[in-house]
Amino acid sequence: MNKKILLLEDDELLAETLVELLKESSYDVDLAIDGDEASELTYENSYDLYIFDINVPEINGLDLLESLRGADDSTPTIFISALVDMNSISKAFEVGADDYMKKPFYPQELLIRVNAKLATPNLIFKYNDLEYDVAKNILKKDSSIISLGEVQERLFKLFIENVGGVLDKEILLSCLDNPSPTALRVAITKLKQTTGLNIQNLRGVGYTLEQS
């Protein structure tokens, strides 16, 4: 049975994008455009994950989650919000958030976090001398922890979760802060040097991480 997600988002374009992305990844998604609708859906359904915006009509996302936690609803929750002040972020975790993403963000990054939240506990990817713990977001090479920059980390997660598959260049470009074919080549080269991943460029198609 597919995992079920409740998305609370009143930005129509963003909501459509996220719903499509999540459904393509085999999640069942219910969309609510205001807090009242989201609240009703939580009474009528059981969810594996909540994704809440904060500034929405009727009940805002913070108050909604606070009321749900008060009703012993422990469903994992990711906030997505344009609010970047520390008060809002602190309040989100105080009321029971598990994660907080600041808008604008890359939809693929949200998908990575959703996959991590809903992954089988202790899911670990192994590739040659690399070991990646999804839940803890820890990458080891020859048993030593290594750190990646934000861009390389986004690329790494996409490749390691799609070993043997072909990743479209547009998806990879969305991981960059200043997307361009040259910047992508440089970022992938650095990633290969740091991790030893066997990433191949399929001209006109995209990139693939060869099986270990």
C-alpha atoms as a PDB file:
ATOM      1  CA  MET A   1       0.000   0.000   0.000  1.00  0.00           C
ATOM      2  CA  ASN A   2       1.307   3.453  -0.924  1.00  0.00           C
ATOM      3  CA  LYS A   3       2.251   5.879   1.842  1.00  0.00           C
ATOM      4  CA  LYS A   4      -0.299   8.692   2.246  1.00  0.00           C
ATOM      5  CA  ILE A   5       0.568  12.389   2.546  1.00  0.00           C
ATOM      6  CA  LEU A   6      -1.529  15.430   3.446  1.00  0.00           C
ATOM      7  CA  LEU A   7      -0.279  18.603   1.756  1.00  0.00           C
ATOM      8  CA  LEU A   8      -1.501  21.967   3.078  1.00  0.00           C
ATOM      9  CA  GLU A   9      -0.574  24.635   0.529  1.00  0.00           C
ATOM     10  CA  ASP A  10      -2.620  27.563  -0.810  1.00  0.00           C
ATOM     11  CA  ASP A  11      -0.217  28.504  -3.643  1.00  0.00           C
ATOM     12  CA  GLU A  12      -1.960  26.796  -6.550  1.00  0.00           C
ATOM     13  CA  LEU A  13       1.079  26.489  -8.831  1.00  0.00           C
ATOM     14  CA  LEU A  14       3.388  25.146  -6.120  1.00  0.00           C
ATOM     15  CA  ALA A  15       0.701  22.778  -4.868  1.00  0.00           C
ATOM     16  CA  GLU A  16       0.167  21.319  -8.351  1.00  0.00           C
ATOM     17  CA  THR A  17       3.913  20.857  -8.797  1.00  0.00           C
ATOM     18  CA  LEU A  18       4.334  19.090  -5.464  1.00  0.00           C
ATOM     19  CA  VAL A  19       1.285  16.888  -5.862  1.00  0.00           C
ATOM     20  CA  GLU A  20       2.482  15.755  -9.294  1.00  0.00           C
ATOM     21  CA  LEU A  21       6.016  15.085  -8.044  1.00  0.00           C
ATOM     22  CA  LEU A  22       4.847  13.098  -5.028  1.00  0.00           C
ATOM     23  CA  LYS A  23       2.331  11.064  -7.012  1.00  0.00           C
ATOM     24  CA  GLU A  24       4.999  10.242  -9.605  1.00  0.00           C
ATOM     25  CA  SER A  25       6.991   8.834  -6.690  1.00  0.00           C
ATOM     26  CA  SER A  26       4.076   6.521  -5.785  1.00  0.00           C
ATOM     27  CA  TYR A  27       2.727   8.501  -2.832  1.00  0.00           C
ATOM     28  CA  ASP A  28      -0.995   9.065  -2.350  1.00  0.00           C
ATOM     29  CA  VAL A  29      -1.597  12.781  -1.775  1.00  0.00           C
ATOM     30  CA  ASP A  30      -4.546  14.757  -0.425  1.00  0.00           C
ATOM     31  CA  LEU A  31      -4.358  18.521  -0.972  1.00  0.00           C
ATOM     32  CA  ALA A  32      -5.892  21.120   1.336  1.00  0.00           C
ATOM     33  CA  ILE A  33      -5.818  24.844   0.546  1.00  0.00           C
ATOM     34  CA  ASP A  34      -6.732  26.108   4.011  1.00  0.00           C
ATOM     35  CA  GLY A  35      -6.324  25.017   7.611  1.00  0.00           C
ATOM     36  CA  ASP A  36      -9.966  24.118   8.155  1.00  0.00           C
ATOM     37  CA  GLU A  37      -9.962  21.749   5.183  1.00  0.00           C
ATOM     38  CA  ALA A  38      -6.719  20.166   6.361  1.00  0.00           C
ATOM     39  CA  SER A  39      -8.125  19.699   9.855  1.00  0.00           C
ATOM     40  CA  GLU A  40     -11.224  17.953   8.493  1.00  0.00           C
ATOM     41  CA  LEU A  41      -9.059  15.639   6.376  1.00  0.00           C
ATOM     42  CA  THR A  42      -7.010  14.602   9.418  1.00  0.00           C
ATOM     43  CA  TYR A  43     -10.219  13.501  11.169  1.00  0.00           C
ATOM     44  CA  GLU A  44     -11.402  11.545   8.142  1.00  0.00           C
ATOM     45  CA  ASN A  45      -8.117   9.908   7.147  1.00  0.00           C
ATOM     46  CA  SER A  46      -4.910   8.466   8.513  1.00  0.00           C
ATOM     47  CA  TYR A  47      -1.677   9.869   7.045  1.00  0.00           C
ATOM     48  CA  ASP A  48       1.955   8.830   7.078  1.00  0.00           C
ATOM     49  CA  LEU A  49       3.239  12.398   6.661  1.00  0.00           C
ATOM     50  CA  TYR A  50       2.034  15.998   6.807  1.00  0.00           C
ATOM     51  CA  ILE A  51       3.539  18.766   4.668  1.00  0.00           C
ATOM     52  CA  PHE A  52       2.209  22.110   5.919  1.00  0.00           C
ATOM     53  CA  ASP A  53       2.655  25.685   4.762  1.00  0.00           C
ATOM     54  CA  ILE A  54       2.285  28.186   7.618  1.00  0.00           C
ATOM     55  CA  ASN A  55       0.600  31.249   6.115  1.00  0.00           C
ATOM     56  CA  VAL A  56      -2.633  29.721   4.850  1.00  0.00           C
ATOM     57  CA  PRO A  57      -6.279  30.850   5.206  1.00  0.00           C
ATOM     58  CA  GLU A  58      -8.380  29.964   8.247  1.00  0.00           C
ATOM     59  CA  ILE A  59      -6.185  27.979  10.683  1.00  0.00           C
ATOM     60  CA  ASN A  60      -2.489  28.585  10.040  1.00  0.00           C
ATOM     61  CA  GLY A  61      -0.106  25.657   9.816  1.00  0.00           C
ATOM     62  CA  LEU A  62       1.489  26.239  13.228  1.00  0.00           C
ATOM     63  CA  ASP A  63      -1.824  26.342  15.076  1.00  0.00           C
ATOM     64  CA  LEU A  64      -3.058  23.322  13.156  1.00  0.00           C
ATOM     65  CA  LEU A  65      -0.072  21.184  14.081  1.00  0.00           C
ATOM     66  CA  GLU A  66      -0.225  22.357  17.687  1.00  0.00           C
ATOM     67  CA  SER A  67      -3.852  21.233  17.901  1.00  0.00           C
ATOM     68  CA  LEU A  68      -3.048  17.904  16.254  1.00  0.00           C
ATOM     69  CA  ARG A  69      -0.199  17.240  18.671  1.00  0.00           C
ATOM     70  CA  GLY A  70      -2.552  18.152  21.513  1.00  0.00           C
ATOM     71  CA  ALA A  71      -4.866  15.423  20.228  1.00  0.00           C
ATOM     72  CA  ASP A  72      -2.004  12.881  20.362  1.00  0.00           C
ATOM     73  CA  ASP A  73      -1.457  12.922  16.581  1.00  0.00           C
ATOM     74  CA  SER A  74       2.273  12.165  16.164  1.00  0.00           C
ATOM     75  CA  THR A  75       2.315  12.051  12.347  1.00  0.00           C
ATOM     76  CA  PRO A  76       5.734  13.266  11.071  1.00  0.00           C
ATOM     77  CA  THR A  77       5.450  16.836   9.758  1.00  0.00           C
ATOM     78  CA  ILE A  78       7.511  18.955   7.390  1.00  0.00           C
ATOM     79  CA  PHE A  79       6.872  22.693   7.250  1.00  0.00           C
ATOM     80  CA  ILE A  80       7.421  24.563   3.976  1.00  0.00           C
ATOM     81  CA  SER A  81       7.304  28.314   4.464  1.00  0.00           C
ATOM     82  CA  ALA A  82       8.523  31.685   3.229  1.00  0.00           C
ATOM     83  CA  LEU A  83       8.915  32.687   6.885  1.00  0.00           C
ATOM     84  CA  VAL A  84      12.640  32.645   7.590  1.00  0.00           C
ATOM     85  CA  ASP A  85      12.786  34.451  10.958  1.00  0.00           C
ATOM     86  CA  MET A  86      14.064  32.433  13.896  1.00  0.00           C
ATOM     87  CA  ASN A  87      10.842  32.956  15.870  1.00  0.00           C
ATOM     88  CA  SER A  88       8.777  31.187  13.222  1.00  0.00           C
ATOM     89  CA  ILE A  89      11.309  28.374  12.828  1.00  0.00           C
ATOM     90  CA  SER A  90      11.590  27.930  16.613  1.00  0.00           C
ATOM     91  CA  LYS A  91       7.812  27.929  16.988  1.00  0.00           C
ATOM     92  CA  ALA A  92       7.505  25.264  14.290  1.00  0.00           C
ATOM     93  CA  PHE A  93       9.734  22.870  16.202  1.00  0.00           C
ATOM     94  CA  GLU A  94       8.139  23.800  19.524  1.00  0.00           C
ATOM     95  CA  VAL A  95       4.722  22.685  18.259  1.00  0.00           C
ATOM     96  CA  GLY A  96       6.130  19.396  16.981  1.00  0.00           C
ATOM     97  CA  ALA A  97       7.628  19.811  13.502  1.00  0.00           C
ATOM     98  CA  ASP A  98      10.154  17.245  12.304  1.00  0.00           C
ATOM     99  CA  ASP A  99      11.645  19.384   9.526  1.00  0.00           C
ATOM    100  CA  TYR A 100      11.447  22.925   8.134  1.00  0.00           C
ATOM    101  CA  MET A 101      12.135  24.007   4.553  1.00  0.00           C
ATOM    102  CA  LYS A 102      12.436  27.661   3.618  1.00  0.00           C
ATOM    103  CA  LYS A 103      10.790  28.841   0.413  1.00  0.00           C
ATOM    104  CA  PRO A 104      11.846  28.954  -2.328  1.00  0.00           C
ATOM    105  CA  PHE A 105      13.190  25.413  -2.394  1.00  0.00           C
ATOM    106  CA  TYR A 106      13.871  22.781  -5.033  1.00  0.00           C
ATOM    107  CA  PRO A 107      10.926  20.364  -5.300  1.00  0.00           C
ATOM    108  CA  GLN A 108      13.405  17.498  -5.665  1.00  0.00           C
ATOM    109  CA  GLU A 109      14.939  18.430  -2.312  1.00  0.00           C
ATOM    110  CA  LEU A 110      11.531  18.123  -0.665  1.00  0.00           C
ATOM    111  CA  LEU A 111      11.111  14.719  -2.303  1.00  0.00           C
ATOM    112  CA  ILE A 112      14.457  13.608  -0.892  1.00  0.00           C
ATOM    113  CA  ARG A 113      13.368  14.652   2.603  1.00  0.00           C
ATOM    114  CA  VAL A 114       9.989  12.961   2.189  1.00  0.00           C
ATOM    115  CA  ASN A 115      11.697   9.753   1.050  1.00  0.00           C
ATOM    116  CA  ALA A 116      14.009   9.920   4.062  1.00  0.00           C
ATOM    117  CA  LYS A 117      11.109  10.465   6.483  1.00  0.00           C
ATOM    118  CA  LEU A 118       9.097   7.597   5.029  1.00  0.00           C
ATOM    119  CA  ALA A 119      11.994   5.264   4.305  1.00  0.00           C
ATOM    120  CA  THR A 120      12.379   1.916   5.981  1.00  0.00           C
ATOM    121  CA  PRO A 121      14.033   2.563   9.359  1.00  0.00           C
ATOM    122  CA  ASN A 122      17.827   2.422   9.269  1.00  0.00           C
ATOM    123  CA  LEU A 123      17.877   2.436   5.458  1.00  0.00           C
ATOM    124  CA  ILE A 124      21.514   2.467   4.403  1.00  0.00           C
ATOM    125  CA  PHE A 125      22.828   2.759   0.851  1.00  0.00           C
ATOM    126  CA  LYS A 126      26.192   1.116   0.118  1.00  0.00           C
ATOM    127  CA  TYR A 127      28.287   1.823  -2.949  1.00  0.00           C
ATOM    128  CA  ASN A 128      31.833   0.440  -3.133  1.00  0.00           C
ATOM    129  CA  ASP A 129      33.600   2.027  -0.131  1.00  0.00           C
ATOM    130  CA  LEU A 130      30.740   4.473   0.533  1.00  0.00           C
ATOM    131  CA  GLU A 131      27.994   4.052   3.126  1.00  0.00           C
ATOM    132  CA  TYR A 132      25.097   6.508   3.373  1.00  0.00           C
ATOM    133  CA  ASP A 133      22.686   6.451   6.327  1.00  0.00           C
ATOM    134  CA  VAL A 134      19.457   8.066   5.096  1.00  0.00           C
ATOM    135  CA  ALA A 135      17.831   8.648   8.478  1.00  0.00           C
ATOM    136  CA  LYS A 136      20.935  10.234  10.012  1.00  0.00           C
ATOM    137  CA  ASN A 137      22.088  11.895   6.751  1.00  0.00           C
ATOM    138  CA  ILE A 138      25.632  10.636   7.361  1.00  0.00           C
ATOM    139  CA  LEU A 139      28.001   9.719   4.527  1.00  0.00           C
ATOM    140  CA  LYS A 140      31.078   7.600   5.212  1.00  0.00           C
ATOM    141  CA  LYS A 141      33.971   6.642   2.938  1.00  0.00           C
ATOM    142  CA  ASP A 142      36.154   3.812   4.219  1.00  0.00           C
ATOM    143  CA  SER A 143      34.319   4.208   7.560  1.00  0.00           C
ATOM    144  CA  SER A 144      35.329   7.896   7.858  1.00  0.00           C
ATOM    145  CA  ILE A 145      32.630  10.583   7.749  1.00  0.00           C
ATOM    146  CA  ILE A 146      32.947  12.931   4.775  1.00  0.00           C
ATOM    147  CA  SER A 147      31.164  16.227   4.215  1.00  0.00           C
ATOM    148  CA  LEU A 148      29.740  17.543   0.967  1.00  0.00           C
ATOM    149  CA  GLY A 149      28.721  21.079   0.038  1.00  0.00           C
ATOM    150  CA  GLU A 150      24.998  21.759  -0.299  1.00  0.00           C
ATOM    151  CA  VAL A 151      24.995  21.398  -4.101  1.00  0.00           C
ATOM    152  CA  GLN A 152      27.074  18.215  -4.063  1.00  0.00           C
ATOM    153  CA  GLU A 153      24.873  16.779  -1.320  1.00  0.00           C
ATOM    154  CA  ARG A 154      21.720  17.343  -3.391  1.00  0.00           C
ATOM    155  CA  LEU A 155      23.346  15.688  -6.396  1.00  0.00           C
ATOM    156  CA  PHE A 156      24.703  12.815  -4.315  1.00  0.00           C
ATOM    157  CA  LYS A 157      21.291  11.970  -2.872  1.00  0.00           C
ATOM    158  CA  LEU A 158      19.692  11.927  -6.317  1.00  0.00           C
ATOM    159  CA  PHE A 159      22.379   9.645  -7.749  1.00  0.00           C
ATOM    160  CA  ILE A 160      22.612   7.240  -4.792  1.00  0.00           C
ATOM    161  CA  GLU A 161      18.827   6.765  -4.707  1.00  0.00           C
ATOM    162  CA  ASN A 162      18.738   6.116  -8.471  1.00  0.00           C
ATOM    163  CA  VAL A 163      21.710   3.814  -9.048  1.00  0.00           C
ATOM    164  CA  GLY A 164      21.608   2.408 -12.571  1.00  0.00           C
ATOM    165  CA  GLY A 165      18.867   4.810 -13.646  1.00  0.00           C
ATOM    166  CA  VAL A 166      19.165   7.797 -15.943  1.00  0.00           C
ATOM    167  CA  LEU A 167      18.708  11.244 -14.399  1.00  0.00           C
ATOM    168  CA  ASP A 168      17.529  13.939 -16.781  1.00  0.00           C
ATOM    169  CA  LYS A 169      19.868  16.919 -16.987  1.00  0.00           C
ATOM    170  CA  GLU A 170      17.031  19.293 -16.048  1.00  0.00           C
ATOM    171  CA  ILE A 171      16.483  17.493 -12.738  1.00  0.00           C
ATOM    172  CA  LEU A 172      20.194  17.761 -11.932  1.00  0.00           C
ATOM    173  CA  LEU A 173      20.308  21.428 -12.941  1.00  0.00           C
ATOM    174  CA  SER A 174      17.558  22.127 -10.396  1.00  0.00           C
ATOM    175  CA  CYS A 175      20.057  21.176  -7.671  1.00  0.00           C
ATOM    176  CA  LEU A 176      22.358  24.084  -8.554  1.00  0.00           C
ATOM    177  CA  ASP A 177      22.204  27.566  -7.087  1.00  0.00           C
ATOM    178  CA  ASN A 178      23.170  29.094 -10.456  1.00  0.00           C
ATOM    179  CA  PRO A 179      22.182  26.472 -13.047  1.00  0.00           C
ATOM    180  CA  SER A 180      24.175  26.098 -16.251  1.00  0.00           C
ATOM    181  CA  PRO A 181      25.610  23.127 -18.180  1.00  0.00           C
ATOM    182  CA  THR A 182      29.140  24.207 -17.238  1.00  0.00           C
ATOM    183  CA  ALA A 183      28.284  24.554 -13.547  1.00  0.00           C
ATOM    184  CA  LEU A 184      26.677  21.102 -13.605  1.00  0.00           C
ATOM    185  CA  ARG A 185      29.758  19.515 -15.156  1.00  0.00           C
ATOM    186  CA  VAL A 186      31.984  21.160 -12.552  1.00  0.00           C
ATOM    187  CA  ALA A 187      29.726  20.086  -9.669  1.00  0.00           C
ATOM    188  CA  ILE A 188      29.556  16.484 -10.876  1.00  0.00           C
ATOM    189  CA  THR A 189      33.331  16.372 -11.395  1.00  0.00           C
ATOM    190  CA  LYS A 190      33.878  17.565  -7.813  1.00  0.00           C
ATOM    191  CA  LEU A 191      31.352  15.012  -6.544  1.00  0.00           C
ATOM    192  CA  LYS A 192      33.159  12.206  -8.370  1.00  0.00           C
ATOM    193  CA  GLN A 193      36.514  13.322  -6.969  1.00  0.00           C
ATOM    194  CA  THR A 194      35.189  13.480  -3.404  1.00  0.00           C
ATOM    195  CA  THR A 195      33.183  10.258  -3.388  1.00  0.00           C
ATOM    196  CA  GLY A 196      34.547   8.103  -6.195  1.00  0.00           C
ATOM    197  CA  LEU A 197      31.064   7.654  -7.693  1.00  0.00           C
ATOM    198  CA  ASN A 198      31.153   6.204 -11.198  1.00  0.00           C
ATOM    199  CA  ILE A 199      28.908   8.815 -12.845  1.00  0.00           C
ATOM    200  CA  GLN A 200      28.662   8.694 -16.608  1.00  0.00           C
ATOM    201  CA  ASN A 201      27.421  11.373 -19.008  1.00  0.00           C
ATOM    202  CA  LEU A 202      24.959   9.986 -21.559  1.00  0.00           C
ATOM    203  CA  ARG A 203      25.109  12.639 -24.273  1.00  0.00           C
ATOM    204  CA  GLY A 204      21.736  14.117 -25.106  1.00  0.00           C
ATOM    205  CA  VAL A 205      20.036  12.020 -22.414  1.00  0.00           C
ATOM    206  CA  GLY A 206      21.422  12.835 -18.966  1.00  0.00           C
ATOM    207  CA  TYR A 207      23.674  11.228 -16.366  1.00  0.00           C
ATOM    208  CA  THR A 208      23.743   7.809 -14.750  1.00  0.00           C
ATOM    209  CA  LEU A 209      25.471   6.325 -11.717  1.00  0.00           C
ATOM    210  CA  GLU A 210      26.817   2.928 -12.784  1.00  0.00           C
ATOM    211  CA  GLN A 211      26.162  -0.064 -10.554  1.00  0.00           C
ATOM    212  CA  SER A 212      28.968  -0.666  -8.055  1.00  0.00           C
END
